[in-house]
């Protein structure tokens, strides 16, 4: 979106009258010119109304999606529609979420190869500070990824946990098991840490 000048009494930039008058100075008018309405927020409907979004994305290799509130139905269902568009129309092949690395390992294995029960994994992994991801809308998004991967095993969508503040308890257990097997004399030290 172009940067619009702040509303001032200064002369407007040269150009056609309709873009240099009050409409150019009004944020509401600028938003009205740039906005493209969505037909629906429901994730399983068509994606044609997302074409303007696709043009805005262009050739960007990464697209960030946020939400004003966690666990709001419409934010999460629109996120699934946008992900579908990015995967099906733009070739994206990863979905990253603020989740521990260990969650990434479990969910990615489930979405790639069907390992484990998705509901059980989300119930176990999305607790505490990640509990807002444990909802029907995100499970539906993850189920869509799994279905896509079943149909496109040669070019799957991967799940990435990108929370670097906590690696996840499963990885600590793996390090402890490795230390015990390889250097039993040091096994107590990583366990204490």
Protein backbone atom coordinates (compact mmCIF):
# COMPACT_ATOMS: atom_id res chain seq x y z
CA UNK A 1 0.00 0.00 0.00
CA UNK A 2 1.43 3.43 -0.84
CA UNK A 3 2.34 5.75 2.00
CA UNK A 4 -0.13 8.58 2.13
CA UNK A 5 0.82 12.09 3.25
CA UNK A 6 -0.50 13.24 6.59
CA UNK A 7 -3.57 15.46 6.55
CA UNK A 8 -2.33 19.05 6.50
CA UNK A 9 -3.33 22.34 4.98
CA UNK A 10 -0.31 22.18 2.67
CA UNK A 11 -0.90 21.89 -1.04
CA UNK A 12 -1.63 18.36 -2.25
CA UNK A 13 0.78 16.72 -4.70
CA UNK A 14 0.17 17.27 -8.37
CA UNK A 15 -2.08 14.75 -10.08
CA UNK A 16 -5.69 14.11 -10.97
CA UNK A 17 -8.09 16.16 -8.89
CA UNK A 18 -9.80 13.14 -7.29
CA UNK A 19 -6.52 11.95 -5.73
CA UNK A 20 -5.28 15.36 -4.58
CA UNK A 21 -8.27 16.67 -2.66
CA UNK A 22 -9.74 15.73 0.71
CA UNK A 23 -10.03 12.08 -0.40
CA UNK A 24 -6.23 11.88 -0.54
CA UNK A 25 -5.94 13.33 2.94
CA UNK A 26 -8.61 11.13 4.50
CA UNK A 27 -7.42 7.78 5.89
CA UNK A 28 -10.96 6.43 5.51
CA UNK A 29 -11.06 7.34 1.82
CA UNK A 30 -7.58 5.90 1.24
CA UNK A 31 -8.59 2.67 2.95
CA UNK A 32 -11.78 2.57 0.89
CA UNK A 33 -9.73 2.78 -2.32
CA UNK A 34 -7.23 0.11 -1.23
CA UNK A 35 -9.49 -2.38 0.59
CA UNK A 36 -10.70 -5.54 -1.12
CA UNK A 37 -13.60 -7.27 0.63
CA UNK A 38 -13.53 -10.93 1.54
CA UNK A 39 -16.58 -12.93 0.52
CA UNK A 40 -16.39 -15.15 3.59
CA UNK A 41 -14.22 -16.10 6.53
CA UNK A 42 -15.14 -19.79 6.29
CA UNK A 43 -12.10 -21.89 5.33
CA UNK A 44 -13.68 -24.42 2.97
CA UNK A 45 -15.24 -21.94 0.55
CA UNK A 46 -13.65 -20.74 -2.69
CA UNK A 47 -10.54 -18.60 -2.77
CA UNK A 48 -11.23 -16.24 -5.69
CA UNK A 49 -11.71 -13.25 -3.38
CA UNK A 50 -8.11 -13.71 -2.17
CA UNK A 51 -6.58 -12.95 -5.60
CA UNK A 52 -5.89 -9.29 -4.68
CA UNK A 53 -4.06 -10.56 -1.60
CA UNK A 54 -2.03 -12.89 -3.83
CA UNK A 55 -1.05 -9.93 -6.01
CA UNK A 56 0.06 -8.04 -2.89
CA UNK A 57 2.17 -11.03 -1.80
CA UNK A 58 3.87 -11.11 -5.20
CA UNK A 59 7.04 -13.23 -5.01
CA UNK A 60 7.56 -12.81 -1.25
CA UNK A 61 9.12 -15.96 0.24
CA UNK A 62 7.55 -15.40 3.68
CA UNK A 63 4.12 -14.10 4.68
CA UNK A 64 3.29 -13.32 8.30
CA UNK A 65 -0.26 -13.70 9.57
CA UNK A 66 -1.31 -12.47 12.97
CA UNK A 67 -4.51 -11.96 14.83
CA UNK A 68 -5.84 -9.19 17.04
CA UNK A 69 -7.03 -11.77 19.56
CA UNK A 70 -6.06 -15.37 20.22
CA UNK A 71 -8.75 -18.04 19.80
CA UNK A 72 -11.19 -15.88 17.81
CA UNK A 73 -13.06 -18.03 15.29
CA UNK A 74 -12.87 -15.64 12.33
CA UNK A 75 -9.14 -14.85 12.66
CA UNK A 76 -8.28 -18.54 12.66
CA UNK A 77 -10.65 -19.51 9.85
CA UNK A 78 -9.40 -16.67 7.64
CA UNK A 79 -5.86 -17.81 8.43
CA UNK A 80 -6.76 -21.23 7.01
CA UNK A 81 -8.22 -19.65 3.85
CA UNK A 82 -5.08 -17.56 3.41
CA UNK A 83 -2.85 -20.60 3.99
CA UNK A 84 -4.83 -22.57 1.39
CA UNK A 85 -4.38 -19.72 -1.09
CA UNK A 86 -0.66 -19.45 -0.37
CA UNK A 87 -0.18 -23.21 -0.77
CA UNK A 88 -2.45 -23.79 -3.77
CA UNK A 89 -1.82 -20.58 -5.71
CA UNK A 90 1.60 -19.32 -4.61
CA UNK A 91 3.53 -22.53 -3.89
CA UNK A 92 4.16 -22.02 -0.17
CA UNK A 93 5.07 -25.22 1.66
CA UNK A 94 5.47 -24.33 5.35
CA UNK A 95 3.23 -23.17 8.18
CA UNK A 96 5.05 -21.75 11.19
CA UNK A 97 3.45 -21.21 14.55
CA UNK A 98 4.68 -19.90 17.89
CA UNK A 99 5.15 -23.36 19.35
CA UNK A 100 8.09 -25.33 20.80
CA UNK A 101 10.45 -27.29 18.58
CA UNK A 102 9.24 -30.53 20.13
CA UNK A 103 5.68 -29.64 19.06
CA UNK A 104 7.05 -29.13 15.57
CA UNK A 105 8.51 -32.62 15.55
CA UNK A 106 5.28 -34.30 16.67
CA UNK A 107 2.92 -32.27 14.49
CA UNK A 108 5.13 -32.43 11.41
CA UNK A 109 5.31 -36.25 11.71
CA UNK A 110 1.53 -36.37 12.05
CA UNK A 111 0.93 -34.05 9.09
CA UNK A 112 3.54 -35.69 6.86
CA UNK A 113 3.09 -39.37 7.65
CA UNK A 114 -0.05 -39.64 9.79
CA UNK A 115 1.93 -40.56 12.92
CA UNK A 116 -0.11 -40.16 16.10
CA UNK A 117 -3.56 -38.78 16.79
CA UNK A 118 -3.92 -35.09 15.89
CA UNK A 119 -6.40 -34.31 18.70
CA UNK A 120 -4.21 -36.01 21.29
CA UNK A 121 -1.10 -34.20 20.03
CA UNK A 122 -2.77 -30.78 20.10
CA UNK A 123 -4.26 -31.49 23.55
CA UNK A 124 -0.83 -32.44 24.90
CA UNK A 125 1.25 -29.81 23.10
CA UNK A 126 -1.01 -26.76 23.16
CA UNK A 127 -1.26 -26.25 26.92
CA UNK A 128 -0.11 -23.50 29.23
CA UNK A 129 1.11 -20.49 27.25
CA UNK A 130 0.20 -22.23 23.97
CA UNK A 131 -3.38 -23.15 24.97
CA UNK A 132 -5.00 -20.70 22.55
CA UNK A 133 -3.80 -22.85 19.63
CA UNK A 134 -5.79 -25.80 21.02
CA UNK A 135 -9.11 -25.14 19.34
CA UNK A 136 -11.33 -26.60 16.65
CA UNK A 137 -10.30 -23.99 14.06
CA UNK A 138 -6.58 -24.80 14.31
CA UNK A 139 -7.25 -28.52 14.31
CA UNK A 140 -9.28 -27.99 11.13
CA UNK A 141 -6.34 -26.08 9.60
CA UNK A 142 -3.96 -28.90 10.58
CA UNK A 143 -6.38 -31.51 9.19
CA UNK A 144 -6.44 -29.58 5.91
CA UNK A 145 -2.61 -29.70 5.82
CA UNK A 146 -2.69 -33.47 6.46
CA UNK A 147 -5.26 -34.01 3.67
CA UNK A 148 -3.18 -31.87 1.31
CA UNK A 149 -0.06 -33.88 2.16
CA UNK A 150 -1.84 -37.18 1.51
CA UNK A 151 -2.75 -35.92 -1.97
CA UNK A 152 0.67 -34.28 -2.60
CA UNK A 153 3.29 -36.50 -0.88
CA UNK A 154 5.98 -35.34 -3.30
CA UNK A 155 5.57 -31.68 -2.27
CA UNK A 156 4.09 -31.55 1.25
CA UNK A 157 3.32 -28.64 3.55
CA UNK A 158 5.56 -28.75 6.64
CA UNK A 159 4.76 -27.57 10.16
CA UNK A 160 7.37 -25.44 11.93
CA UNK A 161 7.43 -24.57 15.62
CA UNK A 162 9.36 -21.34 15.85
CA UNK A 163 9.26 -20.54 19.57
CA UNK A 164 12.92 -20.28 20.53
CA UNK A 165 12.17 -19.54 24.19
CA UNK A 166 11.37 -23.18 25.01
CA UNK A 167 12.51 -26.21 23.04
CA UNK A 168 9.98 -28.54 24.64
CA UNK A 169 10.29 -31.24 27.30
CA UNK A 170 10.60 -34.02 24.72
CA UNK A 171 13.91 -32.67 23.47
CA UNK A 172 15.34 -32.47 26.99
CA UNK A 173 14.38 -36.12 27.46
CA UNK A 174 16.10 -37.01 24.18
CA UNK A 175 19.32 -35.24 25.24
CA UNK A 176 19.24 -37.01 28.62
CA UNK A 177 18.66 -40.40 26.96
CA UNK A 178 21.53 -39.77 24.53
CA UNK A 179 23.91 -38.72 27.32
CA UNK A 180 22.97 -41.79 29.35
CA UNK A 181 23.58 -44.11 26.40
CA UNK A 182 26.78 -42.52 25.10
CA UNK A 183 28.44 -41.02 28.21
CA UNK A 184 26.83 -42.61 31.27
CA UNK A 185 29.38 -40.99 33.55
CA UNK A 186 28.03 -37.56 32.50
CA UNK A 187 24.32 -38.47 32.48
CA UNK A 188 23.58 -36.80 35.82
CA UNK A 189 24.90 -33.41 34.67
CA UNK A 190 22.47 -32.69 31.77
CA UNK A 191 19.63 -34.08 33.89
CA UNK A 192 20.44 -31.57 36.66
CA UNK A 193 20.72 -28.72 34.15
